[in-house]
Amino acid sequence: MILVAIGSNLPGAGLDTPRAVCLAALEALEREPDIRVIARSRLFESAPVPLSDQPWYANGAVLVETTLPPAPLLARLHEIEARFGRVRQVRNEARVLDLDLLCYNEIVNDRPESPPVLPHPRLRERAFVLRPLLDIARGWRHPGDTLEISALLAALPPGQALNPIR
């Protein structure tokens, strides 16, 4: 199971809302020759993490199949981000598009010197990642500790605002 998170809190070129950016990014993923989108979650609106005065995010997730190994897949996701105008400067900054490789089958790699780190190291801390995953991969278990998404959601501290986007 290969899971990718999608997020945006800035408009993009010709796209007037973060929701529109996320929808366009989903279409871009579906056009990639080596990536097949199997399922997509609803989009959710969430406060920035860590909390700041940034605009709120639109977030979602997709389940994909690919022939690309993890590092080339992550590089492809970064290429798509760049096509949407993403420039990486400061961690946790506002961004037009964020595509995170959350997990790649059962691979567990916690060595930052050998990217990508898998599963995503902050996946279990964020409602804006876990809640969309519940839409598309209800029975998925975190390969590091085998906890299901519902257990990971239940373990989150209170206060992470998250609302479905209509």
N, C-alpha and C. Protein backbone atom coordinates (compact mmCIF):
# COMPACT_ATOMS: atom_id res chain seq x y z
N MET A 1 0.85 -1.17 0.00
CA MET A 1 0.00 0.00 0.00
C MET A 1 0.89 1.24 0.00
N ILE A 2 0.71 2.08 -0.99
CA ILE A 2 1.50 3.30 -1.13
C ILE A 2 0.54 4.47 -0.95
N LEU A 3 0.82 5.28 0.06
CA LEU A 3 -0.06 6.39 0.43
C LEU A 3 0.66 7.71 0.31
N VAL A 4 -0.02 8.69 -0.27
CA VAL A 4 0.54 10.02 -0.49
C VAL A 4 -0.43 11.06 0.08
N ALA A 5 0.10 12.01 0.86
CA ALA A 5 -0.70 13.11 1.38
C ALA A 5 -0.60 14.30 0.43
N ILE A 6 -1.69 15.05 0.34
CA ILE A 6 -1.76 16.24 -0.50
C ILE A 6 -2.20 17.40 0.37
N GLY A 7 -1.49 18.52 0.27
CA GLY A 7 -1.89 19.69 1.06
C GLY A 7 -1.52 20.98 0.36
N SER A 8 -2.27 22.04 0.69
CA SER A 8 -2.01 23.37 0.15
C SER A 8 -2.64 24.40 1.07
N ASN A 9 -1.95 25.53 1.25
CA ASN A 9 -2.61 26.63 1.95
C ASN A 9 -2.40 27.96 1.24
N LEU A 10 -1.96 27.90 -0.02
CA LEU A 10 -1.82 29.09 -0.85
C LEU A 10 -2.43 28.82 -2.21
N PRO A 11 -2.96 29.85 -2.85
CA PRO A 11 -3.43 29.67 -4.23
C PRO A 11 -2.23 29.45 -5.15
N GLY A 12 -2.49 28.90 -6.32
CA GLY A 12 -1.43 28.69 -7.29
C GLY A 12 -1.74 29.44 -8.57
N ALA A 13 -0.88 29.31 -9.55
CA ALA A 13 -1.07 29.99 -10.84
C ALA A 13 -2.38 29.54 -11.46
N GLY A 14 -3.31 30.46 -11.57
CA GLY A 14 -4.61 30.17 -12.15
C GLY A 14 -5.53 29.36 -11.25
N LEU A 15 -5.12 29.12 -10.04
CA LEU A 15 -5.91 28.35 -9.07
C LEU A 15 -6.13 29.24 -7.86
N ASP A 16 -7.38 29.62 -7.61
CA ASP A 16 -7.64 30.68 -6.65
C ASP A 16 -7.76 30.25 -5.20
N THR A 17 -7.80 28.93 -4.92
CA THR A 17 -7.91 28.47 -3.54
C THR A 17 -7.02 27.24 -3.32
N PRO A 18 -6.65 26.98 -2.07
CA PRO A 18 -5.92 25.74 -1.79
C PRO A 18 -6.70 24.49 -2.22
N ARG A 19 -8.03 24.52 -2.10
CA ARG A 19 -8.85 23.39 -2.56
C ARG A 19 -8.63 23.16 -4.05
N ALA A 20 -8.64 24.24 -4.84
CA ALA A 20 -8.43 24.12 -6.28
C ALA A 20 -7.05 23.58 -6.59
N VAL A 21 -6.05 23.99 -5.81
CA VAL A 21 -4.68 23.47 -6.00
C VAL A 21 -4.67 21.97 -5.74
N CYS A 22 -5.29 21.53 -4.65
CA CYS A 22 -5.30 20.09 -4.34
C CYS A 22 -6.00 19.29 -5.43
N LEU A 23 -7.12 19.79 -5.92
CA LEU A 23 -7.83 19.08 -6.99
C LEU A 23 -7.00 19.01 -8.27
N ALA A 24 -6.31 20.10 -8.60
CA ALA A 24 -5.43 20.10 -9.77
C ALA A 24 -4.24 19.15 -9.57
N ALA A 25 -3.72 19.09 -8.35
CA ALA A 25 -2.62 18.17 -8.05
C ALA A 25 -3.07 16.72 -8.18
N LEU A 26 -4.29 16.42 -7.76
CA LEU A 26 -4.83 15.07 -7.94
C LEU A 26 -4.90 14.71 -9.42
N GLU A 27 -5.34 15.66 -10.24
CA GLU A 27 -5.39 15.43 -11.69
C GLU A 27 -3.99 15.23 -12.26
N ALA A 28 -3.02 16.01 -11.76
CA ALA A 28 -1.64 15.85 -12.22
C ALA A 28 -1.10 14.47 -11.87
N LEU A 29 -1.39 14.01 -10.66
CA LEU A 29 -0.96 12.66 -10.27
C LEU A 29 -1.58 11.60 -11.18
N GLU A 30 -2.85 11.78 -11.53
CA GLU A 30 -3.53 10.81 -12.38
C GLU A 30 -2.97 10.79 -13.81
N ARG A 31 -2.31 11.86 -14.22
CA ARG A 31 -1.71 11.92 -15.57
C ARG A 31 -0.28 11.36 -15.60
N GLU A 32 0.31 11.10 -14.44
CA GLU A 32 1.68 10.58 -14.42
C GLU A 32 1.70 9.16 -14.97
N PRO A 33 2.60 8.87 -15.93
CA PRO A 33 2.59 7.55 -16.56
C PRO A 33 2.96 6.40 -15.63
N ASP A 34 3.76 6.64 -14.61
CA ASP A 34 4.21 5.57 -13.73
C ASP A 34 3.43 5.50 -12.42
N ILE A 35 2.37 6.31 -12.31
CA ILE A 35 1.59 6.35 -11.08
C ILE A 35 0.12 6.14 -11.42
N ARG A 36 -0.51 5.24 -10.70
CA ARG A 36 -1.95 5.00 -10.89
C ARG A 36 -2.67 5.29 -9.58
N VAL A 37 -3.57 6.25 -9.60
CA VAL A 37 -4.35 6.58 -8.41
C VAL A 37 -5.47 5.54 -8.28
N ILE A 38 -5.49 4.87 -7.14
CA ILE A 38 -6.47 3.82 -6.86
C ILE A 38 -7.67 4.39 -6.11
N ALA A 39 -7.38 5.27 -5.14
CA ALA A 39 -8.46 5.86 -4.32
C ALA A 39 -8.01 7.24 -3.85
N ARG A 40 -8.99 8.14 -3.71
CA ARG A 40 -8.70 9.47 -3.19
C ARG A 40 -9.68 9.80 -2.07
N SER A 41 -9.17 10.47 -1.07
CA SER A 41 -10.00 10.86 0.07
C SER A 41 -10.78 12.12 -0.24
N ARG A 42 -11.69 12.45 0.66
CA ARG A 42 -12.29 13.78 0.64
C ARG A 42 -11.19 14.77 1.00
N LEU A 43 -11.46 16.04 0.76
CA LEU A 43 -10.56 17.10 1.20
C LEU A 43 -11.07 17.65 2.53
N PHE A 44 -10.12 18.01 3.38
CA PHE A 44 -10.41 18.56 4.69
C PHE A 44 -9.70 19.89 4.85
N GLU A 45 -10.28 20.77 5.63
CA GLU A 45 -9.66 22.04 5.97
C GLU A 45 -9.06 21.88 7.37
N SER A 46 -7.81 22.35 7.52
CA SER A 46 -7.15 22.20 8.82
C SER A 46 -6.27 23.40 9.13
N ALA A 47 -6.10 23.63 10.41
CA ALA A 47 -5.20 24.68 10.87
C ALA A 47 -3.76 24.26 10.61
N PRO A 48 -2.86 25.23 10.42
CA PRO A 48 -1.46 24.87 10.21
C PRO A 48 -0.86 24.22 11.46
N VAL A 49 0.04 23.28 11.24
CA VAL A 49 0.77 22.61 12.32
C VAL A 49 2.25 22.80 12.04
N PRO A 50 3.01 23.42 12.98
CA PRO A 50 2.55 23.97 14.24
C PRO A 50 1.66 25.20 14.00
N LEU A 51 0.82 25.48 15.00
CA LEU A 51 -0.13 26.57 14.91
C LEU A 51 0.60 27.89 14.63
N SER A 52 0.08 28.64 13.67
CA SER A 52 0.69 29.92 13.29
C SER A 52 -0.39 30.80 12.66
N ASP A 53 0.02 31.96 12.16
CA ASP A 53 -0.94 32.84 11.51
C ASP A 53 -1.07 32.56 10.01
N GLN A 54 -0.51 31.46 9.54
CA GLN A 54 -0.66 31.07 8.13
C GLN A 54 -2.12 30.80 7.81
N PRO A 55 -2.49 30.87 6.53
CA PRO A 55 -3.84 30.45 6.14
C PRO A 55 -4.03 28.96 6.43
N TRP A 56 -5.29 28.55 6.61
CA TRP A 56 -5.61 27.15 6.83
C TRP A 56 -5.32 26.35 5.56
N TYR A 57 -5.15 25.06 5.74
CA TYR A 57 -4.80 24.14 4.66
C TYR A 57 -6.02 23.40 4.12
N ALA A 58 -5.93 23.00 2.88
CA ALA A 58 -6.77 21.95 2.32
C ALA A 58 -5.88 20.71 2.29
N ASN A 59 -6.39 19.58 2.80
CA ASN A 59 -5.60 18.35 2.89
C ASN A 59 -6.41 17.16 2.40
N GLY A 60 -5.71 16.21 1.82
CA GLY A 60 -6.31 14.97 1.40
C GLY A 60 -5.24 13.90 1.28
N ALA A 61 -5.62 12.75 0.78
CA ALA A 61 -4.66 11.66 0.60
C ALA A 61 -5.10 10.79 -0.57
N VAL A 62 -4.13 10.10 -1.15
CA VAL A 62 -4.42 9.15 -2.23
C VAL A 62 -3.69 7.84 -1.98
N LEU A 63 -4.31 6.79 -2.44
CA LEU A 63 -3.71 5.46 -2.48
C LEU A 63 -3.28 5.26 -3.92
N VAL A 64 -2.01 4.92 -4.14
CA VAL A 64 -1.51 4.78 -5.50
C VAL A 64 -0.82 3.43 -5.70
N GLU A 65 -0.68 3.06 -6.95
CA GLU A 65 0.19 1.97 -7.38
C GLU A 65 1.24 2.60 -8.28
N THR A 66 2.46 2.08 -8.23
CA THR A 66 3.52 2.61 -9.07
C THR A 66 4.60 1.57 -9.27
N THR A 67 5.32 1.72 -10.37
CA THR A 67 6.50 0.90 -10.61
C THR A 67 7.75 1.58 -10.08
N LEU A 68 7.62 2.83 -9.64
CA LEU A 68 8.76 3.58 -9.13
C LEU A 68 9.12 3.13 -7.72
N PRO A 69 10.39 2.92 -7.43
CA PRO A 69 10.81 2.66 -6.05
C PRO A 69 10.61 3.93 -5.21
N PRO A 70 10.73 3.84 -3.88
CA PRO A 70 10.42 4.97 -3.02
C PRO A 70 11.16 6.28 -3.34
N ALA A 71 12.48 6.25 -3.48
CA ALA A 71 13.22 7.51 -3.71
C ALA A 71 12.83 8.17 -5.03
N PRO A 72 12.76 7.43 -6.15
CA PRO A 72 12.29 8.06 -7.38
C PRO A 72 10.84 8.54 -7.31
N LEU A 73 10.00 7.84 -6.57
CA LEU A 73 8.62 8.30 -6.40
C LEU A 73 8.61 9.63 -5.65
N LEU A 74 9.36 9.74 -4.58
CA LEU A 74 9.43 11.00 -3.84
C LEU A 74 9.97 12.11 -4.73
N ALA A 75 10.97 11.81 -5.54
CA ALA A 75 11.52 12.82 -6.47
C ALA A 75 10.44 13.26 -7.46
N ARG A 76 9.61 12.33 -7.94
CA ARG A 76 8.53 12.67 -8.86
C ARG A 76 7.51 13.56 -8.16
N LEU A 77 7.19 13.26 -6.91
CA LEU A 77 6.26 14.10 -6.15
C LEU A 77 6.81 15.51 -6.00
N HIS A 78 8.11 15.63 -5.75
CA HIS A 78 8.74 16.95 -5.65
C HIS A 78 8.71 17.69 -6.99
N GLU A 79 8.87 16.95 -8.10
CA GLU A 79 8.76 17.57 -9.43
C GLU A 79 7.37 18.16 -9.65
N ILE A 80 6.36 17.41 -9.24
CA ILE A 80 4.98 17.90 -9.39
C ILE A 80 4.80 19.16 -8.53
N GLU A 81 5.29 19.13 -7.30
CA GLU A 81 5.22 20.33 -6.45
C GLU A 81 5.85 21.53 -7.14
N ALA A 82 7.01 21.32 -7.72
CA ALA A 82 7.73 22.42 -8.40
C ALA A 82 6.92 22.96 -9.58
N ARG A 83 6.25 22.07 -10.32
CA ARG A 83 5.41 22.53 -11.44
C ARG A 83 4.28 23.43 -10.96
N PHE A 84 3.86 23.24 -9.73
CA PHE A 84 2.80 24.08 -9.15
C PHE A 84 3.35 25.34 -8.48
N GLY A 85 4.68 25.50 -8.50
CA GLY A 85 5.29 26.71 -7.95
C GLY A 85 5.87 26.55 -6.56
N ARG A 86 5.98 25.34 -6.05
CA ARG A 86 6.55 25.13 -4.71
C ARG A 86 8.04 25.39 -4.74
N VAL A 87 8.49 26.20 -3.80
CA VAL A 87 9.91 26.44 -3.58
C VAL A 87 10.16 26.12 -2.11
N ARG A 88 11.08 25.21 -1.85
CA ARG A 88 11.39 24.81 -0.47
C ARG A 88 12.44 25.73 0.11
N GLN A 89 12.05 26.47 1.15
CA GLN A 89 13.00 27.39 1.80
C GLN A 89 13.07 27.15 3.30
N VAL A 90 11.91 27.17 3.95
CA VAL A 90 11.85 27.06 5.40
C VAL A 90 10.85 25.96 5.76
N ARG A 91 11.22 25.12 6.73
CA ARG A 91 10.31 24.05 7.16
C ARG A 91 9.02 24.66 7.72
N ASN A 92 7.91 24.04 7.42
CA ASN A 92 6.58 24.43 7.90
C ASN A 92 6.11 25.77 7.38
N GLU A 93 6.71 26.25 6.30
CA GLU A 93 6.24 27.51 5.71
C GLU A 93 4.96 27.28 4.92
N ALA A 94 4.23 28.36 4.67
CA ALA A 94 3.07 28.29 3.79
C ALA A 94 3.53 27.77 2.43
N ARG A 95 2.66 27.01 1.74
CA ARG A 95 3.07 26.42 0.47
C ARG A 95 1.90 26.26 -0.47
N VAL A 96 2.21 26.38 -1.74
CA VAL A 96 1.18 26.18 -2.75
C VAL A 96 0.81 24.70 -2.86
N LEU A 97 1.77 23.80 -2.67
CA LEU A 97 1.48 22.37 -2.76
C LEU A 97 2.50 21.58 -1.95
N ASP A 98 1.99 20.60 -1.24
CA ASP A 98 2.84 19.68 -0.48
C ASP A 98 2.37 18.26 -0.79
N LEU A 99 3.26 17.45 -1.34
CA LEU A 99 2.98 16.04 -1.60
C LEU A 99 3.95 15.22 -0.77
N ASP A 100 3.44 14.51 0.22
CA ASP A 100 4.29 13.72 1.11
C ASP A 100 4.07 12.23 0.87
N LEU A 101 5.17 11.50 0.72
CA LEU A 101 5.10 10.05 0.66
C LEU A 101 4.94 9.56 2.09
N LEU A 102 3.77 9.05 2.41
CA LEU A 102 3.47 8.64 3.78
C LEU A 102 3.96 7.24 4.09
N CYS A 103 3.70 6.32 3.18
CA CYS A 103 4.20 4.95 3.36
C CYS A 103 4.33 4.29 2.00
N TYR A 104 5.21 3.33 1.96
CA TYR A 104 5.45 2.57 0.73
C TYR A 104 5.45 1.10 1.15
N ASN A 105 4.29 0.47 0.96
CA ASN A 105 4.10 -0.91 1.37
C ASN A 105 4.52 -1.09 2.83
N GLU A 106 5.28 -2.09 3.13
CA GLU A 106 5.67 -2.36 4.52
C GLU A 106 7.07 -1.85 4.84
N ILE A 107 7.63 -1.01 3.98
CA ILE A 107 9.00 -0.53 4.20
C ILE A 107 9.06 0.35 5.43
N VAL A 108 10.03 0.06 6.29
CA VAL A 108 10.34 0.89 7.44
C VAL A 108 11.79 1.33 7.28
N ASN A 109 12.00 2.63 7.14
CA ASN A 109 13.34 3.19 7.02
C ASN A 109 13.39 4.44 7.90
N ASP A 110 14.12 4.35 9.00
CA ASP A 110 14.22 5.49 9.91
C ASP A 110 15.58 6.18 9.82
N ARG A 111 16.27 5.97 8.72
CA ARG A 111 17.61 6.56 8.55
C ARG A 111 17.54 7.78 7.63
N PRO A 112 17.60 8.99 8.20
CA PRO A 112 17.53 10.20 7.37
C PRO A 112 18.65 10.29 6.34
N GLU A 113 19.77 9.63 6.59
CA GLU A 113 20.88 9.68 5.63
C GLU A 113 20.59 8.83 4.40
N SER A 114 19.52 8.05 4.43
CA SER A 114 19.14 7.19 3.31
C SER A 114 17.66 7.40 2.98
N PRO A 115 17.32 8.60 2.44
CA PRO A 115 15.90 8.91 2.24
C PRO A 115 15.26 8.04 1.16
N PRO A 116 13.94 7.99 1.19
CA PRO A 116 13.05 8.68 2.12
C PRO A 116 12.84 7.91 3.42
N VAL A 117 12.63 8.65 4.50
CA VAL A 117 12.28 8.05 5.78
C VAL A 117 10.83 7.57 5.64
N LEU A 118 10.61 6.30 5.97
CA LEU A 118 9.29 5.68 5.83
C LEU A 118 8.96 4.83 7.03
N PRO A 119 7.69 4.80 7.42
CA PRO A 119 6.65 5.72 7.06
C PRO A 119 7.04 7.15 7.42
N HIS A 120 6.29 8.11 6.90
CA HIS A 120 6.58 9.52 7.17
C HIS A 120 6.70 9.71 8.68
N PRO A 121 7.78 10.36 9.15
CA PRO A 121 8.04 10.41 10.59
C PRO A 121 7.00 11.15 11.43
N ARG A 122 6.21 12.04 10.84
CA ARG A 122 5.22 12.78 11.63
C ARG A 122 3.78 12.37 11.30
N LEU A 123 3.63 11.31 10.54
CA LEU A 123 2.31 10.82 10.14
C LEU A 123 1.39 10.61 11.33
N ARG A 124 1.88 9.97 12.38
CA ARG A 124 1.03 9.60 13.52
C ARG A 124 0.66 10.79 14.41
N GLU A 125 1.23 11.98 14.15
CA GLU A 125 0.98 13.15 14.99
C GLU A 125 -0.07 14.09 14.41
N ARG A 126 -0.59 13.80 13.22
CA ARG A 126 -1.36 14.81 12.49
C ARG A 126 -2.73 14.30 12.04
N ALA A 127 -3.75 14.92 12.59
CA ALA A 127 -5.12 14.57 12.19
C ALA A 127 -5.34 14.85 10.72
N PHE A 128 -4.71 15.90 10.18
CA PHE A 128 -4.93 16.25 8.77
C PHE A 128 -4.33 15.23 7.82
N VAL A 129 -3.52 14.32 8.33
CA VAL A 129 -3.02 13.20 7.53
C VAL A 129 -3.85 11.95 7.81
N LEU A 130 -4.06 11.66 9.09
CA LEU A 130 -4.73 10.43 9.47
C LEU A 130 -6.20 10.39 9.05
N ARG A 131 -6.92 11.49 9.20
CA ARG A 131 -8.35 11.47 8.88
C ARG A 131 -8.60 11.20 7.39
N PRO A 132 -7.88 11.85 6.46
CA PRO A 132 -8.07 11.48 5.05
C PRO A 132 -7.70 10.01 4.77
N LEU A 133 -6.70 9.49 5.47
CA LEU A 133 -6.33 8.09 5.27
C LEU A 133 -7.47 7.15 5.65
N LEU A 134 -8.25 7.54 6.65
CA LEU A 134 -9.38 6.73 7.06
C LEU A 134 -10.38 6.55 5.91
N ASP A 135 -10.49 7.55 5.05
CA ASP A 135 -11.39 7.46 3.89
C ASP A 135 -10.95 6.39 2.88
N ILE A 136 -9.65 6.21 2.71
CA ILE A 136 -9.15 5.39 1.60
C ILE A 136 -8.42 4.11 2.02
N ALA A 137 -8.06 4.02 3.30
CA ALA A 137 -7.26 2.86 3.74
C ALA A 137 -7.62 2.48 5.17
N ARG A 138 -8.92 2.32 5.42
CA ARG A 138 -9.44 2.12 6.77
C ARG A 138 -8.68 1.04 7.55
N GLY A 139 -8.31 -0.06 6.93
CA GLY A 139 -7.65 -1.15 7.63
C GLY A 139 -6.12 -1.06 7.66
N TRP A 140 -5.57 0.03 7.11
CA TRP A 140 -4.11 0.16 7.05
C TRP A 140 -3.53 0.17 8.46
N ARG A 141 -2.40 -0.51 8.60
CA ARG A 141 -1.67 -0.52 9.87
C ARG A 141 -0.30 0.11 9.66
N HIS A 142 0.08 0.95 10.59
CA HIS A 142 1.40 1.58 10.56
C HIS A 142 2.44 0.46 10.63
N PRO A 143 3.33 0.35 9.64
CA PRO A 143 4.28 -0.77 9.63
C PRO A 143 5.28 -0.75 10.78
N GLY A 144 5.47 0.40 11.40
CA GLY A 144 6.43 0.47 12.51
C GLY A 144 5.92 -0.11 13.80
N ASP A 145 4.60 -0.01 14.04
CA ASP A 145 4.05 -0.50 15.30
C ASP A 145 2.74 -1.25 15.14
N THR A 146 2.27 -1.42 13.91
CA THR A 146 1.06 -2.14 13.53
C THR A 146 -0.24 -1.56 14.09
N LEU A 147 -0.23 -0.31 14.53
CA LEU A 147 -1.48 0.32 14.96
C LEU A 147 -2.32 0.72 13.76
N GLU A 148 -3.63 0.49 13.85
CA GLU A 148 -4.55 0.90 12.78
C GLU A 148 -4.78 2.40 12.84
N ILE A 149 -5.26 2.95 11.72
CA ILE A 149 -5.51 4.39 11.63
C ILE A 149 -6.44 4.86 12.74
N SER A 150 -7.49 4.10 13.02
CA SER A 150 -8.44 4.53 14.05
C SER A 150 -7.75 4.65 15.41
N ALA A 151 -6.83 3.75 15.72
CA ALA A 151 -6.09 3.83 16.99
C ALA A 151 -5.14 5.02 16.99
N LEU A 152 -4.51 5.28 15.85
CA LEU A 152 -3.62 6.44 15.76
C LEU A 152 -4.41 7.74 15.94
N LEU A 153 -5.60 7.81 15.33
CA LEU A 153 -6.46 8.99 15.49
C LEU A 153 -6.88 9.16 16.94
N ALA A 154 -7.27 8.07 17.59
CA ALA A 154 -7.72 8.13 18.98
C ALA A 154 -6.59 8.59 19.91
N ALA A 155 -5.34 8.33 19.54
CA ALA A 155 -4.20 8.69 20.39
C ALA A 155 -3.76 10.14 20.22
N LEU A 156 -4.33 10.85 19.24
CA LEU A 156 -3.93 12.24 19.02
C LEU A 156 -4.36 13.12 20.19
N PRO A 157 -3.54 14.11 20.54
CA PRO A 157 -3.99 15.06 21.55
C PRO A 157 -5.13 15.89 20.99
N PRO A 158 -6.01 16.39 21.86
CA PRO A 158 -7.14 17.19 21.37
C PRO A 158 -6.66 18.51 20.79
N GLY A 159 -7.54 19.11 19.98
CA GLY A 159 -7.26 20.47 19.51
C GLY A 159 -6.81 20.61 18.08
N GLN A 160 -6.73 19.53 17.32
CA GLN A 160 -6.36 19.65 15.91
C GLN A 160 -7.65 19.81 15.10
N ALA A 161 -7.98 21.06 14.79
CA ALA A 161 -9.22 21.36 14.07
C ALA A 161 -9.15 20.80 12.65
N LEU A 162 -10.24 20.15 12.24
CA LEU A 162 -10.30 19.50 10.94
C LEU A 162 -11.75 19.45 10.50
N ASN A 163 -12.04 20.01 9.32
CA ASN A 163 -13.41 20.06 8.82
C ASN A 163 -13.44 19.60 7.38
N PRO A 164 -14.43 18.75 7.01
CA PRO A 164 -14.55 18.37 5.59
C PRO A 164 -14.83 19.61 4.75
N ILE A 165 -14.25 19.65 3.57
CA ILE A 165 -14.51 20.74 2.61
C ILE A 165 -15.61 20.27 1.68
N ARG A 166 -16.59 21.07 1.48
CA ARG A 166 -17.71 20.71 0.61
C ARG A 166 -17.37 21.02 -0.83
